[in-house]
Amino acid sequence: MSKHETELTVLEPQEGARDAAEADATAAGLTTEQAAVAADAAPAGGEGPVSATELEQLRGERDQLLDRLARLQAEFENARKRAERERIDYRDYATGNVVEQFLPVLDNFELALKSTGTAEQLRHGVELIVKQMEEILRQLQVNPIPTVGEAFDPRIHEALGTMERADLPDQHVAEEIRRGYKLRERLLRPAMVRVVHNPKQTAE
């Protein structure tokens, strides 16, 4: 037997089984397209085509999975939007609490600007306002960074220059130019300082 005849012998039973599956599916009341799908789904060993009931069940399961996926996507998007709204609300609430505490300070500054007292009286009033602000900052756990007389620490101090002084140890803070602050242990801004250069210690 030639190779061509062998291939025909193998293909003919397979095509016959597919034609039989399509005929059975058509007899079951399926459309031509559904019958073709059912025939393709039939096992190669000739166990018979997928029934209309099984096909409809598979389609139902598919539709249920797609519906569940759509619901999960909608729930995820709603949760994301809700979390974003809550984050904004919390930030506004926290900001409002801080601003509310500083409003009396602003009121006192406005009163000082309207004052017709002497320069000394105005200075005294501003000093009281500064103390009021410092007290509010302490309540918020915002504290100034120690500077003059402390060892220079590049993590919390920013050096703007050096000063020769014999009364302070070398590499210590000689002068505070701008105060730095911490919120608990978090650095808000470093203190700007000038650092001691002690010729006696460096010579040794």
Protein backbone atom coordinates (compact mmCIF):
# COMPACT_ATOMS: atom_id res chain seq x y z
CA MET A 1 0.00 0.00 0.00
CA SER A 2 1.33 3.41 -0.97
CA LYS A 3 1.88 6.27 1.49
CA HIS A 4 -0.99 8.28 -0.09
CA GLU A 5 -3.41 5.40 0.33
CA THR A 6 -2.36 5.01 3.98
CA GLU A 7 -3.11 8.66 4.75
CA LEU A 8 -6.55 8.36 3.13
CA THR A 9 -7.28 5.29 5.21
CA VAL A 10 -6.41 7.17 8.42
CA LEU A 11 -8.31 10.35 7.58
CA GLU A 12 -11.51 8.78 6.35
CA PRO A 13 -12.57 7.30 9.76
CA GLN A 14 -11.85 10.64 11.48
CA GLU A 15 -13.91 12.59 8.96
CA GLY A 16 -16.65 10.01 9.20
CA ALA A 17 -16.76 10.37 12.98
CA ARG A 18 -16.98 14.17 12.70
CA ASP A 19 -19.81 13.93 10.15
CA ALA A 20 -21.65 11.58 12.47
CA ALA A 21 -21.17 13.96 15.41
CA GLU A 22 -22.54 16.87 13.38
CA ALA A 23 -25.54 14.78 12.34
CA ASP A 24 -26.26 13.83 15.97
CA ALA A 25 -25.94 17.44 17.12
CA THR A 26 -28.27 18.63 14.36
CA ALA A 27 -30.81 15.99 15.34
CA ALA A 28 -30.58 17.30 18.92
CA GLY A 29 -31.93 20.64 17.73
CA LEU A 30 -28.70 22.63 17.51
CA THR A 31 -27.96 25.16 14.78
CA THR A 32 -25.40 24.37 12.11
CA GLU A 33 -22.75 26.44 13.96
CA GLN A 34 -23.51 24.81 17.31
CA ALA A 35 -23.45 21.39 15.66
CA ALA A 36 -19.99 22.13 14.24
CA VAL A 37 -18.71 23.26 17.68
CA ALA A 38 -20.15 20.14 19.30
CA ALA A 39 -18.59 17.96 16.62
CA ASP A 40 -15.17 19.53 17.16
CA ALA A 41 -15.53 18.97 20.91
CA ALA A 42 -16.29 15.30 20.45
CA PRO A 43 -13.53 12.94 21.63
CA ALA A 44 -11.28 11.57 18.88
CA GLY A 45 -11.85 8.06 20.09
CA GLY A 46 -15.48 8.17 19.00
CA GLU A 47 -17.07 8.55 22.46
CA GLY A 48 -19.79 10.84 21.09
CA PRO A 49 -20.35 14.62 20.79
CA VAL A 50 -20.95 17.14 23.59
CA SER A 51 -24.66 17.32 24.24
CA ALA A 52 -26.67 20.54 23.99
CA THR A 53 -27.20 20.47 27.74
CA GLU A 54 -23.46 20.25 28.45
CA LEU A 55 -22.75 23.03 25.97
CA GLU A 56 -25.31 25.32 27.57
CA GLN A 57 -23.91 24.48 31.02
CA LEU A 58 -20.40 25.44 29.92
CA ARG A 59 -21.68 28.70 28.48
CA GLY A 60 -23.53 29.41 31.72
CA GLU A 61 -20.40 28.82 33.78
CA ARG A 62 -18.44 31.09 31.45
CA ASP A 63 -21.02 33.87 31.80
CA GLN A 64 -20.99 33.49 35.59
CA LEU A 65 -17.19 33.81 35.68
CA LEU A 66 -17.25 36.90 33.47
CA ASP A 67 -19.95 38.46 35.66
CA ARG A 68 -17.97 37.70 38.80
CA LEU A 69 -14.82 39.24 37.28
CA ALA A 70 -16.74 42.41 36.36
CA ARG A 71 -18.12 42.65 39.91
CA LEU A 72 -14.66 42.21 41.45
CA GLN A 73 -13.25 44.93 39.20
CA ALA A 74 -16.07 47.30 40.20
CA GLU A 75 -15.55 46.54 43.91
CA PHE A 76 -11.80 47.17 43.61
CA GLU A 77 -12.36 50.53 41.88
CA ASN A 78 -14.90 51.57 44.53
CA ALA A 79 -12.50 50.59 47.33
CA ARG A 80 -9.70 52.59 45.72
CA LYS A 81 -11.88 55.70 45.41
CA ARG A 82 -13.10 55.31 49.00
CA ALA A 83 -9.53 55.02 50.32
CA GLU A 84 -8.54 58.15 48.38
CA ARG A 85 -11.49 60.12 49.82
CA GLU A 86 -10.64 58.97 53.35
CA ARG A 87 -6.99 59.98 52.89
CA ILE A 88 -7.99 63.47 51.73
CA ASP A 89 -10.52 63.83 54.57
CA TYR A 90 -7.94 62.78 57.17
CA ARG A 91 -5.35 65.21 55.77
CA ASP A 92 -7.85 68.07 55.81
CA TYR A 93 -8.90 67.19 59.36
CA ALA A 94 -5.30 67.12 60.61
CA THR A 95 -4.45 70.37 58.81
CA GLY A 96 -7.55 72.05 60.21
CA ASN A 97 -6.61 71.12 63.78
CA VAL A 98 -3.14 72.64 63.40
CA VAL A 99 -4.36 75.81 61.69
CA GLU A 100 -7.02 76.30 64.36
CA GLN A 101 -4.33 76.45 67.07
CA PHE A 102 -2.37 79.13 65.21
CA LEU A 103 -5.33 81.42 64.54
CA PRO A 104 -4.99 83.18 67.96
CA VAL A 105 -1.34 83.85 67.10
CA LEU A 106 -2.41 85.51 63.87
CA ASP A 107 -4.96 87.58 65.79
CA ASN A 108 -2.24 88.81 68.16
CA PHE A 109 0.03 89.78 65.26
CA GLU A 110 -2.78 91.84 63.75
CA LEU A 111 -3.35 93.57 67.10
CA ALA A 112 0.39 94.32 67.33
CA LEU A 113 0.32 95.92 63.88
CA LYS A 114 -2.55 98.16 64.96
CA SER A 115 -0.80 99.13 68.18
CA THR A 116 0.31 102.75 68.64
CA GLY A 117 2.65 102.03 71.58
CA THR A 118 6.37 102.61 71.80
CA ALA A 119 8.96 100.44 70.11
CA GLU A 120 9.75 98.82 73.43
CA GLN A 121 6.08 97.97 74.01
CA LEU A 122 5.83 96.54 70.49
CA ARG A 123 8.93 94.43 71.06
CA HIS A 124 7.51 93.08 74.32
CA GLY A 125 4.26 92.21 72.55
CA VAL A 126 6.09 90.33 69.80
CA GLU A 127 8.08 88.40 72.40
CA LEU A 128 4.82 87.29 74.00
CA ILE A 129 3.52 86.14 70.61
CA VAL A 130 6.71 84.17 69.99
CA LYS A 131 6.28 82.42 73.35
CA GLN A 132 2.69 81.67 72.42
CA MET A 133 3.84 80.06 69.15
CA GLU A 134 6.55 78.05 70.91
CA GLU A 135 3.98 76.69 73.35
CA ILE A 136 1.72 75.59 70.49
CA LEU A 137 4.68 73.88 68.80
CA ARG A 138 5.52 72.03 72.04
CA GLN A 139 1.92 70.80 72.24
CA LEU A 140 2.32 69.49 68.69
CA GLN A 141 5.58 67.77 69.80
CA VAL A 142 7.65 70.06 67.58
CA ASN A 143 10.87 70.94 69.43
CA PRO A 144 13.86 73.14 68.52
CA ILE A 145 17.21 71.49 67.81
CA PRO A 146 19.90 72.29 70.43
CA THR A 147 22.70 74.33 68.91
CA VAL A 148 25.11 76.67 70.75
CA GLY A 149 27.62 74.71 72.80
CA GLU A 150 26.58 71.35 71.28
CA ALA A 151 28.91 69.16 69.23
CA PHE A 152 28.37 69.76 65.54
CA ASP A 153 26.19 66.99 64.06
CA PRO A 154 25.77 67.07 60.24
CA ARG A 155 22.53 65.09 60.58
CA ILE A 156 20.76 67.99 62.32
CA HIS A 157 23.11 70.97 61.80
CA GLU A 158 23.96 72.81 58.59
CA ALA A 159 27.29 74.62 58.78
CA LEU A 160 27.47 78.03 57.13
CA GLY A 161 31.01 78.81 58.25
CA THR A 162 33.42 78.72 61.16
CA MET A 163 34.36 81.09 64.02
CA GLU A 164 37.62 81.17 65.93
CA ARG A 165 36.86 80.84 69.63
CA ALA A 166 39.04 79.66 72.46
CA ASP A 167 36.25 79.33 75.02
CA LEU A 168 34.44 76.49 73.23
CA PRO A 169 35.68 73.06 72.07
CA ASP A 170 36.65 72.65 68.45
CA GLN A 171 33.91 71.41 66.10
CA HIS A 172 31.14 72.61 68.41
CA VAL A 173 28.36 75.04 67.49
CA ALA A 174 29.36 78.65 68.11
CA GLU A 175 26.33 80.51 66.78
CA GLU A 176 22.79 79.72 65.67
CA ILE A 177 21.73 81.54 62.48
CA ARG A 178 18.39 79.84 61.91
CA ARG A 179 16.65 77.54 64.33
CA GLY A 180 15.98 73.96 63.28
CA TYR A 181 13.06 71.78 64.39
CA LYS A 182 12.12 68.14 64.92
CA LEU A 183 8.69 66.56 64.99
CA ARG A 184 9.29 63.89 67.61
CA GLU A 185 12.34 62.15 66.08
CA ARG A 186 11.69 63.31 62.52
CA LEU A 187 13.82 66.19 61.26
CA LEU A 188 11.66 69.00 59.87
CA ARG A 189 14.61 71.24 58.98
CA PRO A 190 18.25 71.42 60.10
CA ALA A 191 19.58 74.27 62.19
CA MET A 192 21.85 76.70 60.34
CA VAL A 193 24.95 77.32 62.46
CA ARG A 194 28.54 78.51 62.55
CA VAL A 195 31.06 76.02 63.90
CA VAL A 196 33.89 76.64 66.38
CA HIS A 197 37.45 76.62 65.12
CA ASN A 198 39.64 76.47 68.22
CA PRO A 199 43.30 77.06 67.22
CA LYS A 200 44.60 75.78 70.58
CA GLN A 201 42.97 72.37 70.17
CA THR A 202 43.83 72.00 66.49
CA ALA A 203 47.48 72.89 67.23
CA GLU A 204 47.65 70.12 69.81
